[in-house]
């Protein structure tokens, strides 16, 4: 009787994590964590997100707006400014980062 040698099995590549806002692969640089319910309102759950996406959220919306209207990923993606940002950043590589300016309408609230 001949013994058959077991072939080494290849392990499938780990599924790459994606940014919950823009949908791009997260990569391993320029990553922040976002609270859907702001920490100032007792939010505890955090999600890994691109730093540029995180900055965009906080440049466009106040913490109260996040709490009251934009505490889900779908709601955030539905915001006009964030939607146009997502369309723009979709063409960028995962580690891309550029400074995000605060929206004028947020400065005067």
N, C-alpha and C. Protein backbone atom coordinates (compact mmCIF):
# COMPACT_ATOMS: atom_id res chain seq x y z
N UNK A 1 0.83 -1.17 0.00
CA UNK A 1 0.00 0.00 0.00
C UNK A 1 0.88 1.24 0.00
N UNK A 2 0.61 2.12 -0.91
CA UNK A 2 1.41 3.34 -0.95
C UNK A 2 0.67 4.46 -0.22
N UNK A 3 1.45 5.18 0.52
CA UNK A 3 0.86 6.31 1.25
C UNK A 3 0.92 7.54 0.36
N UNK A 4 -0.13 8.21 0.30
CA UNK A 4 -0.20 9.44 -0.48
C UNK A 4 0.14 10.62 0.38
N UNK A 5 1.00 11.45 -0.12
CA UNK A 5 1.37 12.66 0.62
C UNK A 5 0.31 13.72 0.44
N UNK A 6 -0.04 14.34 1.49
CA UNK A 6 -1.04 15.41 1.41
C UNK A 6 -0.42 16.63 0.73
N UNK A 7 -1.13 17.14 -0.23
CA UNK A 7 -0.69 18.35 -0.91
C UNK A 7 -0.87 19.53 0.04
N UNK A 8 0.10 20.43 0.11
CA UNK A 8 -0.11 21.61 0.96
C UNK A 8 -1.25 22.44 0.39
N UNK A 9 -2.13 22.84 1.26
CA UNK A 9 -3.27 23.62 0.81
C UNK A 9 -2.93 25.10 0.88
N UNK A 10 -3.30 25.80 -0.17
CA UNK A 10 -3.10 27.24 -0.17
C UNK A 10 -4.21 27.89 0.64
N UNK A 11 -3.83 28.81 1.48
CA UNK A 11 -4.85 29.53 2.23
C UNK A 11 -5.32 30.69 1.37
N UNK A 12 -6.62 30.86 1.29
CA UNK A 12 -7.12 31.97 0.48
C UNK A 12 -6.69 33.30 1.09
N UNK A 13 -6.43 34.30 0.26
CA UNK A 13 -6.03 35.60 0.81
C UNK A 13 -7.13 36.17 1.70
N UNK A 14 -6.71 36.78 2.77
CA UNK A 14 -7.68 37.38 3.68
C UNK A 14 -8.45 38.46 2.95
N UNK A 15 -9.73 38.51 3.19
CA UNK A 15 -10.56 39.53 2.56
C UNK A 15 -10.08 40.90 3.03
N UNK A 16 -9.81 41.76 2.08
CA UNK A 16 -9.34 43.09 2.45
C UNK A 16 -10.51 43.91 2.97
N UNK A 17 -10.23 44.66 4.02
CA UNK A 17 -11.25 45.51 4.61
C UNK A 17 -11.49 46.72 3.71
N UNK A 18 -12.73 47.17 3.67
CA UNK A 18 -13.11 48.33 2.86
C UNK A 18 -13.63 49.44 3.75
N UNK A 19 -13.43 50.66 3.31
CA UNK A 19 -13.93 51.83 4.03
C UNK A 19 -15.46 51.83 3.97
N UNK A 20 -16.13 51.95 5.09
CA UNK A 20 -17.59 51.93 5.09
C UNK A 20 -18.22 53.17 4.44
N UNK A 21 -17.45 54.23 4.25
CA UNK A 21 -18.00 55.43 3.62
C UNK A 21 -17.81 55.38 2.10
N UNK A 22 -16.57 55.28 1.65
CA UNK A 22 -16.30 55.37 0.21
C UNK A 22 -16.27 54.01 -0.49
N UNK A 23 -16.07 52.93 0.26
CA UNK A 23 -16.05 51.60 -0.34
C UNK A 23 -14.69 51.17 -0.88
N UNK A 24 -13.69 52.06 -0.85
CA UNK A 24 -12.36 51.67 -1.31
C UNK A 24 -11.68 50.77 -0.28
N UNK A 25 -10.69 49.99 -0.73
CA UNK A 25 -9.90 49.17 0.19
C UNK A 25 -9.23 50.10 1.20
N UNK A 26 -9.22 49.69 2.46
CA UNK A 26 -8.63 50.54 3.51
C UNK A 26 -7.12 50.65 3.41
N UNK A 27 -6.44 49.59 3.06
CA UNK A 27 -4.98 49.63 3.06
C UNK A 27 -4.47 49.64 4.49
N UNK A 28 -3.25 50.17 4.68
CA UNK A 28 -2.71 50.16 6.05
C UNK A 28 -2.08 51.49 6.46
N UNK A 29 -2.33 52.56 5.72
CA UNK A 29 -1.85 53.89 6.12
C UNK A 29 -3.01 54.87 6.06
N UNK A 30 -2.90 55.94 6.82
CA UNK A 30 -3.91 57.01 6.86
C UNK A 30 -5.30 56.47 7.19
N UNK A 31 -5.38 55.73 8.29
CA UNK A 31 -6.66 55.16 8.74
C UNK A 31 -7.01 55.78 10.09
N UNK A 32 -8.26 56.21 10.23
CA UNK A 32 -8.80 56.73 11.48
C UNK A 32 -9.91 55.79 11.94
N UNK A 33 -10.51 56.14 13.06
CA UNK A 33 -11.69 55.42 13.54
C UNK A 33 -12.81 56.44 13.72
N UNK A 34 -14.01 56.08 13.27
CA UNK A 34 -15.15 57.00 13.33
C UNK A 34 -16.23 56.42 14.22
N UNK A 35 -16.82 57.27 15.06
CA UNK A 35 -17.99 56.92 15.87
C UNK A 35 -19.21 57.39 15.10
N UNK A 36 -20.13 56.49 14.73
CA UNK A 36 -21.35 56.93 14.06
C UNK A 36 -22.18 57.81 14.99
N UNK A 37 -22.25 57.44 16.25
CA UNK A 37 -22.85 58.31 17.27
C UNK A 37 -21.65 58.98 17.94
N UNK A 38 -21.54 60.30 17.86
CA UNK A 38 -20.36 60.99 18.39
C UNK A 38 -20.06 60.64 19.85
N UNK A 39 -18.77 60.60 20.18
CA UNK A 39 -18.35 60.31 21.56
C UNK A 39 -18.96 61.31 22.53
N UNK A 40 -19.12 62.56 22.09
CA UNK A 40 -19.68 63.58 22.98
C UNK A 40 -21.14 63.29 23.33
N UNK A 41 -21.76 62.38 22.58
CA UNK A 41 -23.14 61.97 22.87
C UNK A 41 -23.17 60.49 23.29
N UNK A 42 -22.07 60.05 23.91
CA UNK A 42 -21.96 58.71 24.49
C UNK A 42 -21.84 57.58 23.46
N UNK A 43 -21.43 57.90 22.24
CA UNK A 43 -21.21 56.87 21.23
C UNK A 43 -19.99 56.04 21.59
N UNK A 44 -20.08 54.75 21.45
CA UNK A 44 -18.98 53.87 21.82
C UNK A 44 -18.41 53.11 20.63
N UNK A 45 -19.26 52.65 19.73
CA UNK A 45 -18.81 51.82 18.61
C UNK A 45 -17.99 52.63 17.61
N UNK A 46 -16.82 52.09 17.25
CA UNK A 46 -15.91 52.76 16.33
C UNK A 46 -15.72 51.90 15.08
N UNK A 47 -15.47 52.55 13.96
CA UNK A 47 -15.26 51.86 12.69
C UNK A 47 -14.01 52.39 12.02
N UNK A 48 -13.15 51.49 11.48
CA UNK A 48 -11.99 51.96 10.73
C UNK A 48 -12.45 52.63 9.43
N UNK A 49 -11.83 53.74 9.09
CA UNK A 49 -12.24 54.54 7.95
C UNK A 49 -11.01 55.30 7.45
N UNK A 50 -10.94 55.60 6.16
CA UNK A 50 -9.83 56.41 5.65
C UNK A 50 -9.81 57.75 6.39
N UNK A 51 -8.61 58.24 6.65
CA UNK A 51 -8.46 59.52 7.33
C UNK A 51 -9.13 60.64 6.53
N UNK A 52 -8.97 60.64 5.21
CA UNK A 52 -9.57 61.70 4.38
C UNK A 52 -11.10 61.64 4.43
N UNK A 53 -11.66 60.43 4.49
CA UNK A 53 -13.12 60.28 4.59
C UNK A 53 -13.61 60.78 5.95
N UNK A 54 -12.86 60.46 6.99
CA UNK A 54 -13.22 60.89 8.34
C UNK A 54 -13.20 62.41 8.44
N UNK A 55 -12.15 63.00 7.90
CA UNK A 55 -12.04 64.46 7.92
C UNK A 55 -13.18 65.12 7.15
N UNK A 56 -13.57 64.51 6.04
CA UNK A 56 -14.67 65.07 5.25
C UNK A 56 -15.97 65.07 6.04
N UNK A 57 -16.24 63.99 6.72
CA UNK A 57 -17.46 63.91 7.54
C UNK A 57 -17.50 65.05 8.54
N UNK A 58 -16.40 65.24 9.27
CA UNK A 58 -16.38 66.25 10.33
C UNK A 58 -16.22 67.67 9.80
N UNK A 59 -15.79 67.82 8.55
CA UNK A 59 -15.73 69.17 7.99
C UNK A 59 -17.10 69.61 7.47
N UNK A 60 -17.95 68.65 7.14
CA UNK A 60 -19.25 68.98 6.56
C UNK A 60 -20.39 69.01 7.58
N UNK A 61 -20.25 68.26 8.67
CA UNK A 61 -21.37 68.09 9.61
C UNK A 61 -20.95 68.35 11.04
N UNK A 62 -21.86 68.92 11.81
CA UNK A 62 -21.61 69.12 13.23
C UNK A 62 -21.89 67.80 13.96
N UNK A 63 -21.46 67.72 15.19
CA UNK A 63 -21.71 66.52 15.97
C UNK A 63 -23.21 66.33 16.21
N UNK A 64 -23.93 67.42 16.40
CA UNK A 64 -25.38 67.30 16.60
C UNK A 64 -26.07 66.78 15.33
N UNK A 65 -25.64 67.26 14.16
CA UNK A 65 -26.19 66.75 12.90
C UNK A 65 -25.89 65.26 12.74
N UNK A 66 -24.66 64.88 13.12
CA UNK A 66 -24.32 63.46 13.05
C UNK A 66 -25.24 62.63 13.95
N UNK A 67 -25.47 63.12 15.15
CA UNK A 67 -26.34 62.41 16.09
C UNK A 67 -27.77 62.32 15.58
N UNK A 68 -28.32 63.44 15.13
CA UNK A 68 -29.74 63.49 14.79
C UNK A 68 -30.09 62.93 13.42
N UNK A 69 -29.21 63.11 12.43
CA UNK A 69 -29.60 62.75 11.06
C UNK A 69 -28.63 61.83 10.34
N UNK A 70 -27.36 61.83 10.71
CA UNK A 70 -26.35 61.13 9.93
C UNK A 70 -25.58 60.09 10.75
N UNK A 71 -26.31 59.27 11.51
CA UNK A 71 -25.68 58.27 12.36
C UNK A 71 -25.67 56.87 11.73
N UNK A 72 -25.89 56.80 10.39
CA UNK A 72 -25.74 55.55 9.65
C UNK A 72 -24.89 55.83 8.42
N UNK A 73 -24.25 54.79 7.91
CA UNK A 73 -23.41 54.97 6.72
C UNK A 73 -24.26 55.38 5.52
N UNK A 74 -25.45 54.81 5.39
CA UNK A 74 -26.33 55.17 4.26
C UNK A 74 -26.73 56.64 4.32
N UNK A 75 -27.04 57.12 5.52
CA UNK A 75 -27.41 58.53 5.66
C UNK A 75 -26.23 59.43 5.31
N UNK A 76 -25.04 59.07 5.76
CA UNK A 76 -23.85 59.87 5.44
C UNK A 76 -23.62 59.90 3.93
N UNK A 77 -23.72 58.73 3.28
CA UNK A 77 -23.52 58.68 1.83
C UNK A 77 -24.60 59.44 1.08
N UNK A 78 -25.74 59.67 1.70
CA UNK A 78 -26.83 60.41 1.08
C UNK A 78 -26.68 61.92 1.15
N UNK A 79 -25.79 62.42 1.99
CA UNK A 79 -25.56 63.86 2.12
C UNK A 79 -24.89 64.36 0.84
N UNK A 80 -25.38 65.46 0.28
CA UNK A 80 -24.91 65.94 -1.03
C UNK A 80 -23.41 66.21 -1.07
N UNK A 81 -22.86 66.91 -0.08
CA UNK A 81 -21.42 67.22 -0.07
C UNK A 81 -20.58 65.94 0.03
N UNK A 82 -21.02 65.03 0.87
CA UNK A 82 -20.27 63.80 1.06
C UNK A 82 -20.39 62.91 -0.17
N UNK A 83 -21.56 62.90 -0.80
CA UNK A 83 -21.74 62.11 -2.02
C UNK A 83 -20.79 62.59 -3.11
N UNK A 84 -20.67 63.90 -3.31
CA UNK A 84 -19.77 64.40 -4.34
C UNK A 84 -18.31 64.12 -3.97
N UNK A 85 -17.98 64.17 -2.67
CA UNK A 85 -16.64 63.80 -2.22
C UNK A 85 -16.35 62.34 -2.54
N UNK A 86 -17.29 61.45 -2.26
CA UNK A 86 -17.11 60.02 -2.53
C UNK A 86 -16.87 59.79 -4.02
N UNK A 87 -17.63 60.48 -4.86
CA UNK A 87 -17.44 60.35 -6.31
C UNK A 87 -16.03 60.77 -6.71
N UNK A 88 -15.50 61.81 -6.06
CA UNK A 88 -14.16 62.31 -6.36
C UNK A 88 -13.08 61.36 -5.83
N UNK A 89 -13.21 60.92 -4.58
CA UNK A 89 -12.16 60.13 -3.94
C UNK A 89 -12.14 58.68 -4.45
N UNK A 90 -13.19 58.24 -5.10
CA UNK A 90 -13.26 56.86 -5.59
C UNK A 90 -12.12 56.51 -6.54
N UNK A 91 -11.57 57.50 -7.20
CA UNK A 91 -10.50 57.28 -8.18
C UNK A 91 -9.10 57.31 -7.53
N UNK A 92 -9.03 57.55 -6.25
CA UNK A 92 -7.75 57.69 -5.55
C UNK A 92 -7.31 56.35 -4.95
N UNK A 93 -5.99 56.15 -4.78
CA UNK A 93 -5.50 54.92 -4.14
C UNK A 93 -5.84 54.91 -2.65
N UNK A 94 -5.82 53.72 -2.01
CA UNK A 94 -6.21 53.62 -0.60
C UNK A 94 -5.46 54.54 0.36
N UNK A 95 -4.17 54.75 0.18
CA UNK A 95 -3.40 55.57 1.11
C UNK A 95 -3.46 57.05 0.84
N UNK A 96 -4.23 57.48 -0.15
CA UNK A 96 -4.30 58.89 -0.53
C UNK A 96 -4.81 59.74 0.63
N UNK A 97 -4.15 60.90 0.82
CA UNK A 97 -4.63 61.85 1.82
C UNK A 97 -4.33 63.26 1.35
N UNK A 98 -5.28 64.13 1.48
CA UNK A 98 -5.11 65.55 1.19
C UNK A 98 -5.88 66.30 2.27
N UNK A 99 -5.43 67.47 2.59
CA UNK A 99 -6.09 68.26 3.62
C UNK A 99 -7.53 68.58 3.22
N UNK A 100 -8.43 68.53 4.18
CA UNK A 100 -9.85 68.81 3.94
C UNK A 100 -10.21 70.12 4.62
N UNK A 101 -10.76 71.05 3.86
CA UNK A 101 -11.15 72.35 4.42
C UNK A 101 -12.54 72.24 5.05
N UNK A 102 -12.77 73.02 6.08
CA UNK A 102 -14.08 73.06 6.72
C UNK A 102 -15.04 73.84 5.84
N UNK A 103 -16.22 73.30 5.67
CA UNK A 103 -17.22 73.95 4.86
C UNK A 103 -17.61 75.30 5.47
N UNK A 104 -17.80 76.31 4.65
CA UNK A 104 -18.18 77.64 5.15
C UNK A 104 -19.47 77.60 5.93
N UNK A 105 -20.43 76.81 5.49
CA UNK A 105 -21.73 76.80 6.19
C UNK A 105 -21.58 76.26 7.61
N UNK A 106 -20.59 75.42 7.85
CA UNK A 106 -20.38 74.88 9.20
C UNK A 106 -19.71 75.92 10.10
N UNK A 107 -18.84 76.76 9.53
CA UNK A 107 -18.12 77.76 10.33
C UNK A 107 -19.03 78.75 11.00
N UNK A 108 -20.17 79.03 10.40
CA UNK A 108 -21.05 80.10 10.90
C UNK A 108 -22.26 79.56 11.66
N UNK A 109 -22.18 78.39 12.19
CA UNK A 109 -23.31 77.85 12.96
C UNK A 109 -23.13 78.11 14.41
